[in-house]
N, C-alpha and C. Protein backbone atom coordinates (compact mmCIF):
# COMPACT_ATOMS: atom_id res chain seq x y z
N MET A 1 7.63 1.14 -11.67
CA MET A 1 6.68 2.13 -11.18
C MET A 1 7.15 2.62 -9.82
N LYS A 2 6.92 3.95 -9.41
CA LYS A 2 7.21 4.49 -8.54
C LYS A 2 6.24 5.11 -7.63
N ALA A 3 5.86 4.91 -6.20
CA ALA A 3 5.08 5.61 -5.54
C ALA A 3 5.91 6.74 -4.79
N MET A 4 5.43 8.43 -5.03
CA MET A 4 6.38 9.34 -4.99
C MET A 4 5.19 10.27 -3.92
N LEU A 5 6.00 10.52 -2.80
CA LEU A 5 5.42 12.14 -2.11
C LEU A 5 6.49 13.09 -2.06
N GLY A 6 6.05 14.05 -2.95
CA GLY A 6 7.06 15.06 -3.54
C GLY A 6 8.17 14.58 -4.30
N THR A 7 9.16 14.62 -3.73
CA THR A 7 10.47 14.00 -4.19
C THR A 7 10.92 12.86 -3.67
N THR A 8 10.12 12.28 -2.75
CA THR A 8 10.63 11.31 -2.06
C THR A 8 10.37 9.88 -2.47
N VAL A 9 10.82 8.97 -2.97
CA VAL A 9 10.24 7.49 -3.43
C VAL A 9 10.07 6.66 -2.10
N LEU A 10 8.91 6.43 -2.24
CA LEU A 10 8.32 5.54 -1.21
C LEU A 10 8.59 4.10 -1.39
N ALA A 11 8.23 4.01 -2.59
CA ALA A 11 8.29 2.53 -3.20
C ALA A 11 8.46 2.47 -4.66
N GLU A 12 9.14 1.24 -5.17
CA GLU A 12 9.87 1.33 -6.71
C GLU A 12 9.60 -0.14 -6.80
N ALA A 13 8.93 -0.54 -7.88
CA ALA A 13 8.99 -1.88 -8.41
C ALA A 13 8.47 -2.03 -10.01
N ASP A 14 9.14 -2.95 -10.62
CA ASP A 14 8.61 -2.86 -11.98
C ASP A 14 6.90 -3.53 -12.04
N ARG A 15 6.25 -2.85 -12.90
CA ARG A 15 4.83 -2.96 -13.21
C ARG A 15 4.36 -4.33 -13.17
N ASP A 16 4.98 -5.22 -13.34
CA ASP A 16 4.99 -6.88 -13.45
C ASP A 16 4.62 -7.27 -12.00
N GLU A 17 5.48 -6.58 -10.76
CA GLU A 17 5.36 -7.02 -9.64
C GLU A 17 4.28 -6.46 -8.77
N LEU A 18 3.67 -5.51 -9.36
CA LEU A 18 2.58 -4.87 -8.74
C LEU A 18 1.12 -5.10 -9.02
N ILE A 19 0.10 -5.14 -8.07
CA ILE A 19 -1.18 -5.60 -8.19
C ILE A 19 -2.00 -4.48 -8.14
N SER A 20 -2.80 -4.67 -9.25
CA SER A 20 -3.75 -3.50 -9.39
C SER A 20 -5.24 -4.17 -8.76
N ILE A 21 -6.00 -3.05 -7.78
CA ILE A 21 -6.94 -3.50 -7.11
C ILE A 21 -7.81 -2.42 -7.09
N GLU A 22 -8.92 -2.35 -7.71
CA GLU A 22 -9.70 -1.53 -7.35
C GLU A 22 -9.34 0.13 -8.10
N GLY A 23 -8.44 -0.15 -8.89
CA GLY A 23 -7.80 1.19 -9.33
C GLY A 23 -6.65 1.81 -8.43
N ASN A 24 -6.30 0.67 -7.62
CA ASN A 24 -4.91 1.12 -6.69
C ASN A 24 -4.02 -0.02 -6.74
N TRP A 25 -2.62 0.72 -7.39
CA TRP A 25 -1.47 -0.06 -7.32
C TRP A 25 -0.96 -0.32 -6.11
N TYR A 26 -0.75 -1.55 -5.52
CA TYR A 26 -0.32 -2.27 -4.46
C TYR A 26 1.06 -2.99 -5.01
N PHE A 27 2.10 -2.44 -4.12
CA PHE A 27 3.21 -2.92 -3.95
C PHE A 27 4.11 -3.60 -3.17
N PRO A 28 4.85 -4.99 -3.63
CA PRO A 28 5.33 -5.71 -2.98
C PRO A 28 6.09 -5.26 -2.04
N PRO A 29 5.90 -5.95 -0.76
CA PRO A 29 6.35 -5.14 0.53
C PRO A 29 7.91 -5.06 0.65
N GLU A 30 8.45 -6.07 -0.11
CA GLU A 30 10.15 -5.47 -0.08
C GLU A 30 10.54 -4.63 -1.13
N ARG A 31 9.23 -3.95 -1.80
CA ARG A 31 9.58 -2.63 -2.97
C ARG A 31 9.56 -1.57 -2.03
N VAL A 32 8.90 -1.49 -0.97
CA VAL A 32 8.50 -0.69 -0.11
C VAL A 32 9.63 0.20 0.94
N ARG A 33 10.02 1.50 0.73
CA ARG A 33 10.58 1.81 1.68
C ARG A 33 9.83 1.81 3.24
N SER A 34 10.25 1.27 4.21
CA SER A 34 9.41 1.08 5.11
C SER A 34 9.81 1.96 6.18
N GLU A 35 10.82 2.78 6.15
CA GLU A 35 11.76 3.92 6.87
C GLU A 35 10.63 5.35 6.61
N HIS A 36 9.66 5.01 5.67
CA HIS A 36 9.04 6.28 5.69
C HIS A 36 7.31 5.68 6.04
N LEU A 37 7.24 4.79 6.64
CA LEU A 37 5.82 4.36 6.89
C LEU A 37 5.57 4.02 8.52
N VAL A 38 4.77 4.54 9.09
CA VAL A 38 4.22 4.62 10.62
C VAL A 38 3.46 3.76 10.64
N HIS A 39 2.93 2.88 11.51
CA HIS A 39 1.85 1.98 12.01
C HIS A 39 0.65 2.97 12.20
N SER A 40 -0.58 2.91 12.01
CA SER A 40 -1.67 3.61 12.49
C SER A 40 -2.62 3.14 12.83
N PRO A 41 -3.51 3.39 13.87
CA PRO A 41 -4.29 2.76 14.96
C PRO A 41 -5.74 2.71 14.29
N THR A 42 -5.71 3.34 13.12
CA THR A 42 -7.13 3.59 12.04
C THR A 42 -7.72 2.22 11.99
N PRO A 43 -8.92 1.68 12.51
CA PRO A 43 -9.47 0.32 12.08
C PRO A 43 -10.35 0.45 10.71
N TYR A 44 -10.27 -0.53 10.12
CA TYR A 44 -10.90 -0.78 8.80
C TYR A 44 -11.14 -2.35 8.54
N ALA A 45 -12.26 -2.34 8.07
CA ALA A 45 -12.14 -3.94 7.63
C ALA A 45 -12.87 -3.69 5.99
N CYS A 46 -12.31 -4.27 5.05
CA CYS A 46 -13.32 -4.24 3.57
C CYS A 46 -14.02 -5.58 3.79
N PRO A 47 -15.37 -5.30 2.85
CA PRO A 47 -15.93 -6.77 2.80
C PRO A 47 -15.52 -7.71 2.20
N TRP A 48 -14.50 -7.54 1.46
CA TRP A 48 -14.33 -8.67 0.82
C TRP A 48 -12.89 -8.99 0.67
N LYS A 49 -12.05 -8.01 1.10
CA LYS A 49 -10.53 -8.03 1.23
C LYS A 49 -10.38 -8.54 2.84
N GLY A 50 -10.94 -8.41 3.53
CA GLY A 50 -10.71 -8.63 4.89
C GLY A 50 -10.43 -7.21 5.78
N ALA A 51 -9.35 -7.77 6.87
CA ALA A 51 -8.97 -6.40 7.91
C ALA A 51 -7.50 -5.90 7.30
N CYS A 52 -7.84 -4.52 7.40
CA CYS A 52 -6.73 -3.59 7.15
C CYS A 52 -5.95 -2.84 7.70
N GLN A 53 -4.97 -2.74 7.51
CA GLN A 53 -3.86 -2.09 8.29
C GLN A 53 -3.71 -0.72 7.74
N TYR A 54 -3.90 0.08 8.42
CA TYR A 54 -3.14 1.46 7.76
C TYR A 54 -2.24 1.84 7.97
N LEU A 55 -1.49 3.05 7.51
CA LEU A 55 -0.16 3.17 7.57
C LEU A 55 -0.06 4.70 7.49
N ALA A 56 0.77 5.78 8.48
CA ALA A 56 0.79 6.83 8.02
C ALA A 56 2.35 6.86 7.02
N VAL A 57 2.52 7.96 6.40
CA VAL A 57 3.62 8.36 5.67
C VAL A 57 4.20 9.43 5.77
N GLN A 58 5.75 9.50 6.21
CA GLN A 58 6.55 10.25 6.86
C GLN A 58 7.70 10.44 5.90
N THR A 59 7.68 11.71 5.86
CA THR A 59 8.97 12.10 5.11
C THR A 59 9.66 13.35 5.68
N GLY A 60 10.56 13.65 6.60
CA GLY A 60 11.30 14.44 6.95
C GLY A 60 10.36 14.87 8.10
N ASP A 61 9.74 15.87 8.17
CA ASP A 61 9.00 16.25 9.64
C ASP A 61 7.61 16.29 9.25
N ALA A 62 7.29 16.02 8.01
CA ALA A 62 5.99 15.64 7.59
C ALA A 62 5.25 14.25 7.99
N VAL A 63 4.02 14.17 8.40
CA VAL A 63 3.46 12.89 8.62
C VAL A 63 2.11 13.32 8.37
N LEU A 64 1.73 12.12 7.26
CA LEU A 64 0.33 12.65 6.73
C LEU A 64 -0.30 11.01 7.20
N ALA A 65 -1.42 11.20 7.77
CA ALA A 65 -2.14 10.13 8.37
C ALA A 65 -2.69 9.16 7.50
N ASP A 66 -2.62 7.93 7.43
CA ASP A 66 -3.55 7.06 6.81
C ASP A 66 -3.38 7.20 5.19
N ARG A 67 -2.09 7.58 4.71
CA ARG A 67 -1.97 7.76 3.25
C ARG A 67 -1.60 6.10 2.52
N ALA A 68 -1.50 5.26 3.31
CA ALA A 68 -0.88 4.13 3.00
C ALA A 68 -2.06 3.00 3.68
N TRP A 69 -1.88 1.71 2.97
CA TRP A 69 -2.63 0.65 3.88
C TRP A 69 -2.05 -0.77 3.32
N ARG A 70 -2.41 -1.84 3.68
CA ARG A 70 -1.96 -3.00 3.32
C ARG A 70 -3.29 -4.22 4.33
N TYR A 71 -3.30 -5.34 3.65
CA TYR A 71 -3.81 -6.29 4.15
C TYR A 71 -2.89 -7.26 4.63
N PRO A 72 -2.95 -7.36 5.99
CA PRO A 72 -1.92 -8.75 6.58
C PRO A 72 -2.44 -10.16 6.19
N ASP A 73 -3.52 -10.10 6.47
CA ASP A 73 -4.42 -11.44 6.05
C ASP A 73 -5.07 -11.47 5.05
N PRO A 74 -5.28 -11.11 3.85
CA PRO A 74 -6.73 -10.95 3.11
C PRO A 74 -7.59 -12.50 3.18
N TYR A 75 -8.62 -12.43 2.83
CA TYR A 75 -9.61 -13.65 3.06
C TYR A 75 -8.96 -14.47 1.79
N PRO A 76 -9.15 -15.70 2.00
CA PRO A 76 -8.79 -16.46 0.79
C PRO A 76 -9.46 -16.27 -0.43
N ALA A 77 -10.58 -15.92 -0.36
CA ALA A 77 -11.63 -15.50 -1.31
C ALA A 77 -11.15 -14.27 -2.26
N ALA A 78 -10.69 -13.22 -1.37
CA ALA A 78 -10.14 -12.37 -2.09
C ALA A 78 -8.55 -12.54 -2.72
N ILE A 79 -7.86 -13.39 -2.32
CA ILE A 79 -6.61 -13.85 -2.99
C ILE A 79 -7.26 -14.38 -4.48
N GLN A 80 -8.26 -15.20 -4.15
CA GLN A 80 -8.57 -16.19 -5.26
C GLN A 80 -9.27 -14.93 -6.11
N ARG A 81 -10.18 -14.24 -6.00
CA ARG A 81 -10.47 -13.14 -6.94
C ARG A 81 -9.62 -12.22 -7.50
N VAL A 82 -8.71 -11.79 -6.96
CA VAL A 82 -7.55 -11.05 -7.44
C VAL A 82 -6.67 -11.95 -7.95
N GLY A 83 -6.22 -13.20 -8.08
CA GLY A 83 -5.65 -14.24 -8.76
C GLY A 83 -4.32 -14.07 -8.46
N ARG A 84 -3.78 -13.32 -7.03
CA ARG A 84 -2.33 -13.52 -6.82
C ARG A 84 -2.53 -13.16 -5.38
N ASP A 85 -1.72 -13.47 -4.59
CA ASP A 85 -1.64 -13.27 -2.96
C ASP A 85 -1.12 -11.97 -2.55
N PHE A 86 -1.94 -11.15 -2.33
CA PHE A 86 -1.36 -9.66 -1.98
C PHE A 86 -1.55 -9.36 -0.48
N SER A 87 -1.11 -10.40 0.14
CA SER A 87 -0.54 -10.15 1.61
C SER A 87 0.24 -9.22 2.13
N ASN A 88 0.01 -8.16 2.74
CA ASN A 88 1.26 -7.14 2.96
C ASN A 88 1.50 -6.26 2.04
N TYR A 89 1.05 -6.44 0.60
CA TYR A 89 1.53 -5.50 -0.18
C TYR A 89 0.84 -4.12 0.18
N VAL A 90 1.24 -3.17 -0.10
CA VAL A 90 1.19 -1.51 0.11
C VAL A 90 0.54 -0.72 -0.97
N ALA A 91 -0.53 -0.23 -0.75
CA ALA A 91 -0.84 0.54 -1.55
C ALA A 91 -1.03 2.23 -0.84
N PHE A 92 -1.27 2.98 -1.69
CA PHE A 92 -1.15 4.51 -1.33
C PHE A 92 -2.08 5.34 -1.89
N TRP A 93 -2.72 6.85 -1.48
CA TRP A 93 -3.61 7.50 -1.78
C TRP A 93 -3.40 8.90 -1.56
N LYS A 94 -4.19 9.38 -2.17
CA LYS A 94 -4.24 11.29 -1.92
C LYS A 94 -2.87 12.17 -2.16
N GLU A 95 -2.08 12.40 -1.50
CA GLU A 95 -0.64 13.10 -2.08
C GLU A 95 0.10 12.50 -2.64
N VAL A 96 0.08 11.16 -2.35
CA VAL A 96 1.10 9.94 -2.73
C VAL A 96 0.73 9.60 -4.54
N ARG A 97 1.64 9.88 -5.45
CA ARG A 97 1.21 9.77 -6.79
C ARG A 97 2.27 8.52 -6.77
N VAL A 98 1.54 7.48 -7.76
CA VAL A 98 2.23 6.27 -8.45
C VAL A 98 2.50 6.67 -9.71
N VAL A 99 3.76 7.00 -10.26
CA VAL A 99 3.82 7.03 -11.67
C VAL A 99 4.56 6.11 -12.54
N ASP A 100 4.88 5.95 -13.56
CA ASP A 100 5.56 4.98 -14.54
C ASP A 100 7.22 5.04 -14.19
């Protein structure tokens, strides 16, 4: 599967490497092209997953704020609920499409 912004591939992995949480596909950190991600100061904490780190997505001159996120240290109960450790896995939204 691929996370795409226009024709740019932001992440790519086999489906069995991804984790689906609440309708979002989370890509393993080693499958994400980090050169397209920029740290965002936007704060957020999910009540059941823990502190979230937002990322801006950058392609060329375009920077789209908060279009990706990850949980660096999810709660142990969240890992248990999901069934796999999803620490630092990256999910995308809005203009970023996840396709087979």
